[in-house]
PDB file of N, CA and C in Angstrom:
ATOM      1  N   UNK A   1      34.931 -18.590  75.075  1.00  0.00           N
ATOM      2  CA  UNK A   1      35.979 -19.225  74.311  1.00  0.00           C
ATOM      3  C   UNK A   1      37.308 -18.611  74.687  1.00  0.00           C
ATOM      4  N   UNK A   2      38.238 -19.422  75.142  1.00  0.00           N
ATOM      5  CA  UNK A   2      39.562 -18.929  75.494  1.00  0.00           C
ATOM      6  C   UNK A   2      40.435 -18.897  74.256  1.00  0.00           C
ATOM      7  N   UNK A   3      41.106 -17.784  74.070  1.00  0.00           N
ATOM      8  CA  UNK A   3      42.002 -17.643  72.920  1.00  0.00           C
ATOM      9  C   UNK A   3      43.424 -17.650  73.443  1.00  0.00           C
ATOM     10  N   UNK A   4      44.215 -18.579  72.967  1.00  0.00           N
ATOM     11  CA  UNK A   4      45.605 -18.650  73.383  1.00  0.00           C
ATOM     12  C   UNK A   4      46.408 -19.284  72.256  1.00  0.00           C
ATOM     13  N   UNK A   5      47.684 -19.017  72.224  1.00  0.00           N
ATOM     14  CA  UNK A   5      48.510 -19.641  71.211  1.00  0.00           C
ATOM     15  C   UNK A   5      49.725 -18.837  70.862  1.00  0.00           C
ATOM     16  N   UNK A   6      50.359 -19.262  69.805  1.00  0.00           N
ATOM     17  CA  UNK A   6      51.574 -18.632  69.320  1.00  0.00           C
ATOM     18  C   UNK A   6      51.542 -18.717  67.803  1.00  0.00           C
ATOM     19  N   UNK A   7      51.774 -17.600  67.140  1.00  0.00           N
ATOM     20  CA  UNK A   7      51.745 -17.569  65.682  1.00  0.00           C
ATOM     21  C   UNK A   7      53.123 -17.152  65.195  1.00  0.00           C
ATOM     22  N   UNK A   8      53.722 -17.939  64.329  1.00  0.00           N
ATOM     23  CA  UNK A   8      55.039 -17.592  63.797  1.00  0.00           C
ATOM     24  C   UNK A   8      54.906 -16.764  62.542  1.00  0.00           C
ATOM     25  N   UNK A   9      55.719 -15.727  62.460  1.00  0.00           N
ATOM     26  CA  UNK A   9      55.765 -14.911  61.254  1.00  0.00           C
ATOM     27  C   UNK A   9      56.769 -15.482  60.277  1.00  0.00           C
ATOM     28  N   UNK A  10      56.457 -15.473  59.031  1.00  0.00           N
ATOM     29  CA  UNK A  10      57.364 -15.966  57.994  1.00  0.00           C
ATOM     30  C   UNK A  10      57.506 -14.896  56.920  1.00  0.00           C
ATOM     31  N   UNK A  11      58.641 -14.876  56.269  1.00  0.00           N
ATOM     32  CA  UNK A  11      58.815 -13.947  55.158  1.00  0.00           C
ATOM     33  C   UNK A  11      59.590 -12.717  55.559  1.00  0.00           C
ATOM     34  N   UNK A  12      59.552 -11.734  54.695  1.00  0.00           N
ATOM     35  CA  UNK A  12      60.341 -10.532  54.874  1.00  0.00           C
ATOM     36  C   UNK A  12      59.429  -9.318  54.850  1.00  0.00           C
ATOM     37  N   UNK A  13      59.574  -8.450  55.850  1.00  0.00           N
ATOM     38  CA  UNK A  13      58.787  -7.230  55.900  1.00  0.00           C
ATOM     39  C   UNK A  13      59.245  -6.239  54.843  1.00  0.00           C
ATOM     40  N   UNK A  14      58.372  -5.359  54.437  1.00  0.00           N
ATOM     41  CA  UNK A  14      58.713  -4.354  53.438  1.00  0.00           C
ATOM     42  C   UNK A  14      59.781  -3.426  53.986  1.00  0.00           C
ATOM     43  N   UNK A  15      60.932  -3.405  53.371  1.00  0.00           N
ATOM     44  CA  UNK A  15      62.003  -2.525  53.789  1.00  0.00           C
ATOM     45  C   UNK A  15      62.624  -2.905  55.120  1.00  0.00           C
ATOM     46  N   UNK A  16      62.288  -4.048  55.666  1.00  0.00           N
ATOM     47  CA  UNK A  16      62.780  -4.456  56.968  1.00  0.00           C
ATOM     48  C   UNK A  16      64.102  -5.191  56.846  1.00  0.00           C
ATOM     49  N   UNK A  17      65.032  -4.951  57.799  1.00  0.00           N
ATOM     50  CA  UNK A  17      66.289  -5.697  57.783  1.00  0.00           C
ATOM     51  C   UNK A  17      66.126  -7.113  58.318  1.00  0.00           C
ATOM     52  N   UNK A  18      64.936  -7.463  58.822  1.00  0.00           N
ATOM     53  CA  UNK A  18      64.703  -8.771  59.404  1.00  0.00           C
ATOM     54  C   UNK A  18      64.190  -9.742  58.351  1.00  0.00           C
ATOM     55  N   UNK A  19      64.634 -10.986  58.449  1.00  0.00           N
ATOM     56  CA  UNK A  19      64.204 -11.976  57.474  1.00  0.00           C
ATOM     57  C   UNK A  19      62.928 -12.697  57.899  1.00  0.00           C
ATOM     58  N   UNK A  20      62.575 -12.641  59.172  1.00  0.00           N
ATOM     59  CA  UNK A  20      61.346 -13.279  59.644  1.00  0.00           C
ATOM     60  C   UNK A  20      60.826 -12.522  60.854  1.00  0.00           C
ATOM     61  N   UNK A  21      59.532 -12.542  61.018  1.00  0.00           N
ATOM     62  CA  UNK A  21      58.935 -11.928  62.193  1.00  0.00           C
ATOM     63  C   UNK A  21      59.051 -12.884  63.369  1.00  0.00           C
ATOM     64  N   UNK A  22      59.233 -12.364  64.585  1.00  0.00           N
ATOM     65  CA  UNK A  22      59.252 -13.256  65.755  1.00  0.00           C
ATOM     66  C   UNK A  22      57.851 -13.784  66.039  1.00  0.00           C
ATOM     67  N   UNK A  23      57.796 -14.790  66.878  1.00  0.00           N
ATOM     68  CA  UNK A  23      56.506 -15.350  67.271  1.00  0.00           C
ATOM     69  C   UNK A  23      55.632 -14.285  67.923  1.00  0.00           C
ATOM     70  N   UNK A  24      54.329 -14.395  67.703  1.00  0.00           N
ATOM     71  CA  UNK A  24      53.360 -13.573  68.415  1.00  0.00           C
ATOM     72  C   UNK A  24      52.726 -14.461  69.471  1.00  0.00           C
ATOM     73  N   UNK A  25      52.690 -13.974  70.698  1.00  0.00           N
ATOM     74  CA  UNK A  25      52.122 -14.733  71.798  1.00  0.00           C
ATOM     75  C   UNK A  25      50.811 -14.084  72.203  1.00  0.00           C
ATOM     76  N   UNK A  26      49.782 -14.897  72.427  1.00  0.00           N
ATOM     77  CA  UNK A  26      48.519 -14.351  72.881  1.00  0.00           C
ATOM     78  C   UNK A  26      47.800 -15.367  73.737  1.00  0.00           C
ATOM     79  N   UNK A  27      46.968 -14.868  74.645  1.00  0.00           N
ATOM     80  CA  UNK A  27      46.162 -15.748  75.474  1.00  0.00           C
ATOM     81  C   UNK A  27      46.504 -15.659  76.944  1.00  0.00           C
ATOM     82  N   UNK A  28      45.717 -16.340  77.748  1.00  0.00           N
ATOM     83  CA  UNK A  28      45.878 -16.328  79.198  1.00  0.00           C
ATOM     84  C   UNK A  28      47.209 -16.947  79.597  1.00  0.00           C
ATOM     85  N   UNK A  29      47.947 -16.241  80.445  1.00  0.00           N
ATOM     86  CA  UNK A  29      49.167 -16.791  81.023  1.00  0.00           C
ATOM     87  C   UNK A  29      50.444 -16.619  80.223  1.00  0.00           C
ATOM     88  N   UNK A  30      50.376 -16.174  78.969  1.00  0.00           N
ATOM     89  CA  UNK A  30      51.605 -16.089  78.172  1.00  0.00           C
ATOM     90  C   UNK A  30      52.569 -15.032  78.690  1.00  0.00           C
ATOM     91  N   UNK A  31      52.061 -14.041  79.400  1.00  0.00           N
ATOM     92  CA  UNK A  31      52.922 -12.958  79.852  1.00  0.00           C
ATOM     93  C   UNK A  31      53.997 -13.453  80.822  1.00  0.00           C
ATOM     94  N   UNK A  32      53.735 -14.547  81.527  1.00  0.00           N
ATOM     95  CA  UNK A  32      54.728 -15.054  82.472  1.00  0.00           C
ATOM     96  C   UNK A  32      56.003 -15.533  81.780  1.00  0.00           C
ATOM     97  N   UNK A  33      55.926 -15.866  80.490  1.00  0.00           N
ATOM     98  CA  UNK A  33      57.094 -16.341  79.737  1.00  0.00           C
ATOM     99  C   UNK A  33      57.717 -15.271  78.853  1.00  0.00           C
ATOM    100  N   UNK A  34      57.178 -14.074  78.885  1.00  0.00           N
ATOM    101  CA  UNK A  34      57.589 -13.059  77.918  1.00  0.00           C
ATOM    102  C   UNK A  34      59.042 -12.622  78.078  1.00  0.00           C
ATOM    103  N   UNK A  35      59.511 -12.530  79.311  1.00  0.00           N
ATOM    104  CA  UNK A  35      60.898 -12.103  79.528  1.00  0.00           C
ATOM    105  C   UNK A  35      61.903 -13.027  78.864  1.00  0.00           C
ATOM    106  N   UNK A  36      61.723 -14.313  79.069  1.00  0.00           N
ATOM    107  CA  UNK A  36      62.634 -15.306  78.467  1.00  0.00           C
ATOM    108  C   UNK A  36      62.557 -15.272  76.944  1.00  0.00           C
ATOM    109  N   UNK A  37      61.347 -15.164  76.403  1.00  0.00           N
ATOM    110  CA  UNK A  37      61.190 -15.138  74.940  1.00  0.00           C
ATOM    111  C   UNK A  37      61.885 -13.923  74.331  1.00  0.00           C
ATOM    112  N   UNK A  38      61.766 -12.781  74.996  1.00  0.00           N
ATOM    113  CA  UNK A  38      62.379 -11.563  74.463  1.00  0.00           C
ATOM    114  C   UNK A  38      63.891 -11.612  74.621  1.00  0.00           C
ATOM    115  N   UNK A  39      64.375 -12.159  75.711  1.00  0.00           N
ATOM    116  CA  UNK A  39      65.830 -12.321  75.873  1.00  0.00           C
ATOM    117  C   UNK A  39      66.407 -13.195  74.770  1.00  0.00           C
ATOM    118  N   UNK A  40      65.681 -14.228  74.358  1.00  0.00           N
ATOM    119  CA  UNK A  40      66.139 -15.102  73.272  1.00  0.00           C
ATOM    120  C   UNK A  40      66.313 -14.319  71.970  1.00  0.00           C
ATOM    121  N   UNK A  41      65.538 -13.256  71.794  1.00  0.00           N
ATOM    122  CA  UNK A  41      65.644 -12.410  70.606  1.00  0.00           C
ATOM    123  C   UNK A  41      66.761 -11.370  70.733  1.00  0.00           C
ATOM    124  N   UNK A  42      67.463 -11.387  71.890  1.00  0.00           N
ATOM    125  CA  UNK A  42      68.573 -10.467  72.159  1.00  0.00           C
ATOM    126  C   UNK A  42      68.132  -8.997  72.188  1.00  0.00           C
ATOM    127  N   UNK A  43      66.905  -8.777  72.609  1.00  0.00           N
ATOM    128  CA  UNK A  43      66.364  -7.420  72.758  1.00  0.00           C
ATOM    129  C   UNK A  43      66.741  -6.920  74.146  1.00  0.00           C
ATOM    130  N   UNK A  44      67.262  -5.705  74.203  1.00  0.00           N
ATOM    131  CA  UNK A  44      67.709  -5.115  75.467  1.00  0.00           C
ATOM    132  C   UNK A  44      66.733  -4.081  76.021  1.00  0.00           C
ATOM    133  N   UNK A  45      66.002  -3.401  75.119  1.00  0.00           N
ATOM    134  CA  UNK A  45      65.089  -2.348  75.567  1.00  0.00           C
ATOM    135  C   UNK A  45      63.805  -2.411  74.751  1.00  0.00           C
ATOM    136  N   UNK A  46      62.704  -2.684  75.434  1.00  0.00           N
ATOM    137  CA  UNK A  46      61.403  -2.889  74.796  1.00  0.00           C
ATOM    138  C   UNK A  46      60.571  -1.610  74.839  1.00  0.00           C
ATOM    139  N   UNK A  47      59.887  -1.355  73.734  1.00  0.00           N
ATOM    140  CA  UNK A  47      58.884  -0.310  73.642  1.00  0.00           C
ATOM    141  C   UNK A  47      57.553  -1.012  73.851  1.00  0.00           C
ATOM    142  N   UNK A  48      56.997  -0.895  75.049  1.00  0.00           N
ATOM    143  CA  UNK A  48      55.758  -1.581  75.412  1.00  0.00           C
ATOM    144  C   UNK A  48      54.576  -0.696  75.049  1.00  0.00           C
ATOM    145  N   UNK A  49      53.859  -1.095  74.009  1.00  0.00           N
ATOM    146  CA  UNK A  49      52.710  -0.316  73.552  1.00  0.00           C
ATOM    147  C   UNK A  49      51.440  -0.918  74.137  1.00  0.00           C
ATOM    148  N   UNK A  50      50.587  -0.042  74.633  1.00  0.00           N
ATOM    149  CA  UNK A  50      49.352  -0.504  75.241  1.00  0.00           C
ATOM    150  C   UNK A  50      48.278   0.567  75.114  1.00  0.00           C
ATOM    151  N   UNK A  51      47.073   0.176  75.409  1.00  0.00           N
ATOM    152  CA  UNK A  51      45.974   1.143  75.363  1.00  0.00           C
ATOM    153  C   UNK A  51      45.722   1.695  76.766  1.00  0.00           C
ATOM    154  N   UNK A  52      44.969   2.780  76.858  1.00  0.00           N
ATOM    155  CA  UNK A  52      44.714   3.394  78.170  1.00  0.00           C
ATOM    156  C   UNK A  52      44.055   2.451  79.183  1.00  0.00           C
ATOM    157  N   UNK A  53      43.236   1.510  78.719  1.00  0.00           N
ATOM    158  CA  UNK A  53      42.576   0.577  79.647  1.00  0.00           C
ATOM    159  C   UNK A  53      43.605  -0.335  80.307  1.00  0.00           C
ATOM    160  N   UNK A  54      44.440  -0.981  79.528  1.00  0.00           N
ATOM    161  CA  UNK A  54      45.442  -1.894  80.085  1.00  0.00           C
ATOM    162  C   UNK A  54      46.423  -1.145  80.986  1.00  0.00           C
ATOM    163  N   UNK A  55      46.697   0.100  80.639  1.00  0.00           N
ATOM    164  CA  UNK A  55      47.578   0.915  81.481  1.00  0.00           C
ATOM    165  C   UNK A  55      46.890   1.236  82.812  1.00  0.00           C
ATOM    166  N   UNK A  56      45.630   1.666  82.755  1.00  0.00           N
ATOM    167  CA  UNK A  56      44.933   2.104  83.967  1.00  0.00           C
ATOM    168  C   UNK A  56      44.653   0.961  84.939  1.00  0.00           C
ATOM    169  N   UNK A  57      44.486  -0.267  84.436  1.00  0.00           N
ATOM    170  CA  UNK A  57      44.234  -1.393  85.352  1.00  0.00           C
ATOM    171  C   UNK A  57      45.523  -2.050  85.845  1.00  0.00           C
ATOM    172  N   UNK A  58      46.674  -1.519  85.401  1.00  0.00           N
ATOM    173  CA  UNK A  58      47.949  -1.992  85.922  1.00  0.00           C
ATOM    174  C   UNK A  58      48.614  -3.116  85.162  1.00  0.00           C
ATOM    175  N   UNK A  59      47.999  -3.593  84.079  1.00  0.00           N
ATOM    176  CA  UNK A  59      48.599  -4.715  83.337  1.00  0.00           C
ATOM    177  C   UNK A  59      49.909  -4.322  82.657  1.00  0.00           C
ATOM    178  N   UNK A  60      50.005  -3.080  82.172  1.00  0.00           N
ATOM    179  CA  UNK A  60      51.254  -2.647  81.543  1.00  0.00           C
ATOM    180  C   UNK A  60      52.387  -2.645  82.566  1.00  0.00           C
ATOM    181  N   UNK A  61      52.103  -2.196  83.773  1.00  0.00           N
ATOM    182  CA  UNK A  61      53.128  -2.193  84.816  1.00  0.00           C
ATOM    183  C   UNK A  61      53.504  -3.614  85.216  1.00  0.00           C
ATOM    184  N   UNK A  62      52.525  -4.526  85.233  1.00  0.00           N
ATOM    185  CA  UNK A  62      52.823  -5.939  85.508  1.00  0.00           C
ATOM    186  C   UNK A  62      53.802  -6.492  84.483  1.00  0.00           C
ATOM    187  N   UNK A  63      53.548  -6.204  83.201  1.00  0.00           N
ATOM    188  CA  UNK A  63      54.424  -6.688  82.136  1.00  0.00           C
ATOM    189  C   UNK A  63      55.800  -6.036  82.256  1.00  0.00           C
ATOM    190  N   UNK A  64      55.830  -4.734  82.556  1.00  0.00           N
ATOM    191  CA  UNK A  64      57.107  -4.037  82.731  1.00  0.00           C
ATOM    192  C   UNK A  64      57.937  -4.714  83.817  1.00  0.00           C
ATOM    193  N   UNK A  65      57.316  -5.062  84.940  1.00  0.00           N
ATOM    194  CA  UNK A  65      58.032  -5.707  86.046  1.00  0.00           C
ATOM    195  C   UNK A  65      58.595  -7.060  85.615  1.00  0.00           C
ATOM    196  N   UNK A  66      57.809  -7.826  84.866  1.00  0.00           N
ATOM    197  CA  UNK A  66      58.280  -9.127  84.378  1.00  0.00           C
ATOM    198  C   UNK A  66      59.474  -8.938  83.451  1.00  0.00           C
ATOM    199  N   UNK A  67      59.370  -7.981  82.540  1.00  0.00           N
ATOM    200  CA  UNK A  67      60.467  -7.725  81.606  1.00  0.00           C
ATOM    201  C   UNK A  67      61.722  -7.267  82.345  1.00  0.00           C
ATOM    202  N   UNK A  68      61.558  -6.326  83.252  1.00  0.00           N
ATOM    203  CA  UNK A  68      62.715  -5.791  83.960  1.00  0.00           C
ATOM    204  C   UNK A  68      63.342  -6.826  84.883  1.00  0.00           C
ATOM    205  N   UNK A  69      62.552  -7.753  85.434  1.00  0.00           N
ATOM    206  CA  UNK A  69      63.130  -8.832  86.247  1.00  0.00           C
ATOM    207  C   UNK A  69      63.929  -9.807  85.380  1.00  0.00           C
ATOM    208  N   UNK A  70      63.691  -9.750  84.062  1.00  0.00           N
ATOM    209  CA  UNK A  70      64.454 -10.568  83.111  1.00  0.00           C
ATOM    210  C   UNK A  70      65.625  -9.782  82.516  1.00  0.00           C
ATOM    211  N   UNK A  71      65.861  -8.567  83.036  1.00  0.00           N
ATOM    212  CA  UNK A  71      66.983  -7.765  82.556  1.00  0.00           C
ATOM    213  C   UNK A  71      66.685  -6.956  81.307  1.00  0.00           C
ATOM    214  N   UNK A  72      65.421  -6.738  81.009  1.00  0.00           N
ATOM    215  CA  UNK A  72      65.028  -6.012  79.801  1.00  0.00           C
ATOM    216  C   UNK A  72      64.426  -4.668  80.210  1.00  0.00           C
ATOM    217  N   UNK A  73      65.073  -3.579  79.806  1.00  0.00           N
ATOM    218  CA  UNK A  73      64.555  -2.237  80.088  1.00  0.00           C
ATOM    219  C   UNK A  73      63.266  -2.027  79.299  1.00  0.00           C
ATOM    220  N   UNK A  74      62.398  -1.151  79.820  1.00  0.00           N
ATOM    221  CA  UNK A  74      61.082  -0.967  79.215  1.00  0.00           C
ATOM    222  C   UNK A  74      60.678   0.497  79.177  1.00  0.00           C
ATOM    223  N   UNK A  75      60.150   0.913  78.041  1.00  0.00           N
ATOM    224  CA  UNK A  75      59.537   2.226  77.875  1.00  0.00           C
ATOM    225  C   UNK A  75      58.071   1.971  77.547  1.00  0.00           C
ATOM    226  N   UNK A  76      57.157   2.546  78.328  1.00  0.00           N
ATOM    227  CA  UNK A  76      55.727   2.317  78.115  1.00  0.00           C
ATOM    228  C   UNK A  76      55.113   3.457  77.308  1.00  0.00           C
ATOM    229  N   UNK A  77      54.378   3.081  76.267  1.00  0.00           N
ATOM    230  CA  UNK A  77      53.591   4.020  75.466  1.00  0.00           C
ATOM    231  C   UNK A  77      52.141   3.579  75.578  1.00  0.00           C
ATOM    232  N   UNK A  78      51.323   4.365  76.292  1.00  0.00           N
ATOM    233  CA  UNK A  78      49.967   3.919  76.620  1.00  0.00           C
ATOM    234  C   UNK A  78      48.870   4.647  75.849  1.00  0.00           C
ATOM    235  N   UNK A  79      49.209   5.217  74.706  1.00  0.00           N
ATOM    236  CA  UNK A  79      48.218   5.967  73.929  1.00  0.00           C
ATOM    237  C   UNK A  79      47.740   5.234  72.678  1.00  0.00           C
ATOM    238  N   UNK A  80      47.905   3.916  72.642  1.00  0.00           N
ATOM    239  CA  UNK A  80      47.477   3.147  71.479  1.00  0.00           C
ATOM    240  C   UNK A  80      45.963   3.259  71.322  1.00  0.00           C
ATOM    241  N   UNK A  81      45.530   3.436  70.087  1.00  0.00           N
ATOM    242  CA  UNK A  81      44.103   3.515  69.780  1.00  0.00           C
ATOM    243  C   UNK A  81      43.854   2.862  68.429  1.00  0.00           C
ATOM    244  N   UNK A  82      42.629   2.397  68.192  1.00  0.00           N
ATOM    245  CA  UNK A  82      42.313   1.793  66.896  1.00  0.00           C
ATOM    246  C   UNK A  82      42.471   2.823  65.779  1.00  0.00           C
ATOM    247  N   UNK A  83      42.944   2.381  64.652  1.00  0.00           N
ATOM    248  CA  UNK A  83      43.118   3.252  63.476  1.00  0.00           C
ATOM    249  C   UNK A  83      43.755   4.589  63.852  1.00  0.00           C
ATOM    250  N   UNK A  84      44.974   4.547  64.411  1.00  0.00           N
ATOM    251  CA  UNK A  84      45.593   5.782  64.906  1.00  0.00           C
ATOM    252  C   UNK A  84      45.925   6.760  63.784  1.00  0.00           C
ATOM    253  N   UNK A  85      45.830   8.054  64.072  1.00  0.00           N
ATOM    254  CA  UNK A  85      46.228   9.052  63.077  1.00  0.00           C
ATOM    255  C   UNK A  85      47.748   9.012  62.900  1.00  0.00           C
ATOM    256  N   UNK A  86      48.215   9.472  61.772  1.00  0.00           N
ATOM    257  CA  UNK A  86      49.646   9.443  61.467  1.00  0.00           C
ATOM    258  C   UNK A  86      50.464  10.180  62.520  1.00  0.00           C
ATOM    259  N   UNK A  87      49.897  11.236  63.104  1.00  0.00           N
ATOM    260  CA  UNK A  87      50.623  11.994  64.136  1.00  0.00           C
ATOM    261  C   UNK A  87      50.935  11.129  65.358  1.00  0.00           C
ATOM    262  N   UNK A  88      50.004  10.259  65.717  1.00  0.00           N
ATOM    263  CA  UNK A  88      50.223   9.369  66.850  1.00  0.00           C
ATOM    264  C   UNK A  88      51.303   8.339  66.522  1.00  0.00           C
ATOM    265  N   UNK A  89      51.270   7.818  65.322  1.00  0.00           N
ATOM    266  CA  UNK A  89      52.289   6.853  64.886  1.00  0.00           C
ATOM    267  C   UNK A  89      53.662   7.508  64.879  1.00  0.00           C
ATOM    268  N   UNK A  90      53.739   8.729  64.368  1.00  0.00           N
ATOM    269  CA  UNK A  90      55.016   9.448  64.331  1.00  0.00           C
ATOM    270  C   UNK A  90      55.527   9.745  65.742  1.00  0.00           C
ATOM    271  N   UNK A  91      54.617  10.115  66.646  1.00  0.00           N
ATOM    272  CA  UNK A  91      55.030  10.387  68.033  1.00  0.00           C
ATOM    273  C   UNK A  91      55.566   9.114  68.689  1.00  0.00           C
ATOM    274  N   UNK A  92      54.883   7.997  68.472  1.00  0.00           N
ATOM    275  CA  UNK A  92      55.350   6.726  69.029  1.00  0.00           C
ATOM    276  C   UNK A  92      56.720   6.360  68.450  1.00  0.00           C
ATOM    277  N   UNK A  93      56.893   6.543  67.147  1.00  0.00           N
ATOM    278  CA  UNK A  93      58.179   6.253  66.515  1.00  0.00           C
ATOM    279  C   UNK A  93      59.302   7.100  67.072  1.00  0.00           C
ATOM    280  N   UNK A  94      59.022   8.360  67.320  1.00  0.00           N
ATOM    281  CA  UNK A  94      60.034   9.268  67.882  1.00  0.00           C
ATOM    282  C   UNK A  94      60.426   8.831  69.294  1.00  0.00           C
ATOM    283  N   UNK A  95      59.441   8.448  70.101  1.00  0.00           N
ATOM    284  CA  UNK A  95      59.737   7.981  71.460  1.00  0.00           C
ATOM    285  C   UNK A  95      60.584   6.712  71.409  1.00  0.00           C
ATOM    286  N   UNK A  96      60.239   5.808  70.498  1.00  0.00           N
ATOM    287  CA  UNK A  96      60.994   4.561  70.311  1.00  0.00           C
ATOM    288  C   UNK A  96      62.453   4.874  70.000  1.00  0.00           C
ATOM    289  N   UNK A  97      62.680   5.724  69.025  1.00  0.00           N
ATOM    290  CA  UNK A  97      64.044   6.060  68.599  1.00  0.00           C
ATOM    291  C   UNK A  97      64.780   6.845  69.675  1.00  0.00           C
ATOM    292  N   UNK A  98      64.138   7.871  70.231  1.00  0.00           N
ATOM    293  CA  UNK A  98      64.782   8.718  71.240  1.00  0.00           C
ATOM    294  C   UNK A  98      65.204   7.938  72.481  1.00  0.00           C
ATOM    295  N   UNK A  99      64.495   6.851  72.791  1.00  0.00           N
ATOM    296  CA  UNK A  99      64.817   6.048  73.973  1.00  0.00           C
ATOM    297  C   UNK A  99      65.721   4.857  73.674  1.00  0.00           C
ATOM    298  N   UNK A 100      66.119   4.701  72.413  1.00  0.00           N
ATOM    299  CA  UNK A 100      67.034   3.619  72.060  1.00  0.00           C
ATOM    300  C   UNK A 100      66.431   2.233  72.181  1.00  0.00           C
ATOM    301  N   UNK A 101      65.137   2.117  71.930  1.00  0.00           N
ATOM    302  CA  UNK A 101      64.476   0.811  72.001  1.00  0.00           C
ATOM    303  C   UNK A 101      64.906  -0.059  70.819  1.00  0.00           C
ATOM    304  N   UNK A 102      64.923  -1.370  71.034  1.00  0.00           N
ATOM    305  CA  UNK A 102      65.274  -2.287  69.947  1.00  0.00           C
ATOM    306  C   UNK A 102      64.259  -3.420  69.793  1.00  0.00           C
ATOM    307  N   UNK A 103      63.082  -3.252  70.349  1.00  0.00           N
ATOM    308  CA  UNK A 103      62.013  -4.228  70.194  1.00  0.00           C
ATOM    309  C   UNK A 103      60.696  -3.645  70.653  1.00  0.00           C
ATOM    310  N   UNK A 104      59.605  -4.216  70.180  1.00  0.00           N
ATOM    311  CA  UNK A 104      58.267  -3.736  70.514  1.00  0.00           C
ATOM    312  C   UNK A 104      57.432  -4.892  71.060  1.00  0.00           C
ATOM    313  N   UNK A 105      56.712  -4.617  72.149  1.00  0.00           N
ATOM    314  CA  UNK A 105      55.724  -5.551  72.684  1.00  0.00           C
ATOM    315  C   UNK A 105      54.397  -4.813  72.683  1.00  0.00           C
ATOM    316  N   UNK A 106      53.368  -5.423  72.121  1.00  0.00           N
ATOM    317  CA  UNK A 106      52.038  -4.830  72.103  1.00  0.00           C
ATOM    318  C   UNK A 106      51.142  -5.523  73.115  1.00  0.00           C
ATOM    319  N   UNK A 107      50.518  -4.732  73.970  1.00  0.00           N
ATOM    320  CA  UNK A 107      49.625  -5.254  75.003  1.00  0.00           C
ATOM    321  C   UNK A 107      48.324  -4.468  74.925  1.00  0.00           C
ATOM    322  N   UNK A 108      47.291  -5.100  74.371  1.00  0.00           N
ATOM    323  CA  UNK A 108      45.996  -4.426  74.249  1.00  0.00           C
ATOM    324  C   UNK A 108      44.884  -5.398  74.613  1.00  0.00           C
ATOM    325  N   UNK A 109      43.753  -4.848  74.975  1.00  0.00           N
ATOM    326  CA  UNK A 109      42.580  -5.664  75.246  1.00  0.00           C
ATOM    327  C   UNK A 109      41.677  -5.570  74.024  1.00  0.00           C
ATOM    328  N   UNK A 110      41.131  -6.669  73.638  1.00  0.00           N
ATOM    329  CA  UNK A 110      40.171  -6.680  72.530  1.00  0.00           C
ATOM    330  C   UNK A 110      38.785  -6.484  73.114  1.00  0.00           C
ATOM    331  N   UNK A 111      38.255  -5.287  72.979  1.00  0.00           N
ATOM    332  CA  UNK A 111      36.974  -4.946  73.587  1.00  0.00           C
ATOM    333  C   UNK A 111      35.854  -5.862  73.137  1.00  0.00           C
ATOM    334  N   UNK A 112      35.904  -6.337  71.903  1.00  0.00           N
ATOM    335  CA  UNK A 112      34.807  -7.178  71.422  1.00  0.00           C
ATOM    336  C   UNK A 112      34.735  -8.510  72.156  1.00  0.00           C
ATOM    337  N   UNK A 113      35.831  -8.943  72.788  1.00  0.00           N
ATOM    338  CA  UNK A 113      35.811 -10.191  73.548  1.00  0.00           C
ATOM    339  C   UNK A 113      35.494  -9.953  75.015  1.00  0.00           C
ATOM    340  N   UNK A 114      35.950  -8.832  75.567  1.00  0.00           N
ATOM    341  CA  UNK A 114      35.793  -8.625  77.006  1.00  0.00           C
ATOM    342  C   UNK A 114      34.498  -7.915  77.371  1.00  0.00           C
ATOM    343  N   UNK A 115      34.019  -7.014  76.540  1.00  0.00           N
ATOM    344  CA  UNK A 115      32.817  -6.254  76.895  1.00  0.00           C
ATOM    345  C   UNK A 115      31.596  -7.136  77.138  1.00  0.00           C
ATOM    346  N   UNK A 116      31.323  -8.166  76.323  1.00  0.00           N
ATOM    347  CA  UNK A 116      30.174  -9.034  76.640  1.00  0.00           C
ATOM    348  C   UNK A 116      30.302  -9.724  78.001  1.00  0.00           C
ATOM    349  N   UNK A 117      31.515 -10.091  78.390  1.00  0.00           N
ATOM    350  CA  UNK A 117      31.721 -10.737  79.685  1.00  0.00           C
ATOM    351  C   UNK A 117      31.452  -9.751  80.817  1.00  0.00           C
ATOM    352  N   UNK A 118      31.916  -8.492  80.645  1.00  0.00           N
ATOM    353  CA  UNK A 118      31.706  -7.493  81.672  1.00  0.00           C
ATOM    354  C   UNK A 118      30.236  -7.113  81.812  1.00  0.00           C
ATOM    355  N   UNK A 119      29.521  -7.167  80.686  1.00  0.00           N
ATOM    356  CA  UNK A 119      28.108  -6.771  80.723  1.00  0.00           C
ATOM    357  C   UNK A 119      27.197  -7.927  81.136  1.00  0.00           C
ATOM    358  N   UNK A 120      27.772  -9.132  81.249  1.00  0.00           N
ATOM    359  CA  UNK A 120      26.981 -10.281  81.638  1.00  0.00           C
ATOM    360  C   UNK A 120      26.291 -11.006  80.517  1.00  0.00           C
ATOM    361  N   UNK A 121      26.556 -10.585  79.265  1.00  0.00           N
ATOM    362  CA  UNK A 121      25.884 -11.231  78.133  1.00  0.00           C
ATOM    363  C   UNK A 121      26.792 -12.220  77.394  1.00  0.00           C
ATOM    364  N   UNK A 122      27.997 -12.437  77.882  1.00  0.00           N
ATOM    365  CA  UNK A 122      28.913 -13.312  77.143  1.00  0.00           C
ATOM    366  C   UNK A 122      29.355 -14.519  77.880  1.00  0.00           C
TER     367      UNK A 122
END
């Protein structure tokens, strides 16, 4: 089953200065449009969060190249993990602030969808 689409956020985040969440993009091929979508949000420097798998196979660097070809600077944080401890969240927040980022892109693989395909059972 291919999962693809776009989900719009509505409402106001707790304590957030934003009145609505930007669209979430997911699925095959959406990364090719990411630079234009982020430019529309007037984001100049993205904090690209990813897990060690996506980083090691080069997908984070692929996304970085697409973003930078669209004029968007990128800082990669590749230590994302499920249910992260508060220390990891604080470290990521510090890197975001210290680097002057003004937007976040999350790039992760959902193991529950890919592992069956890799093992031949899906």
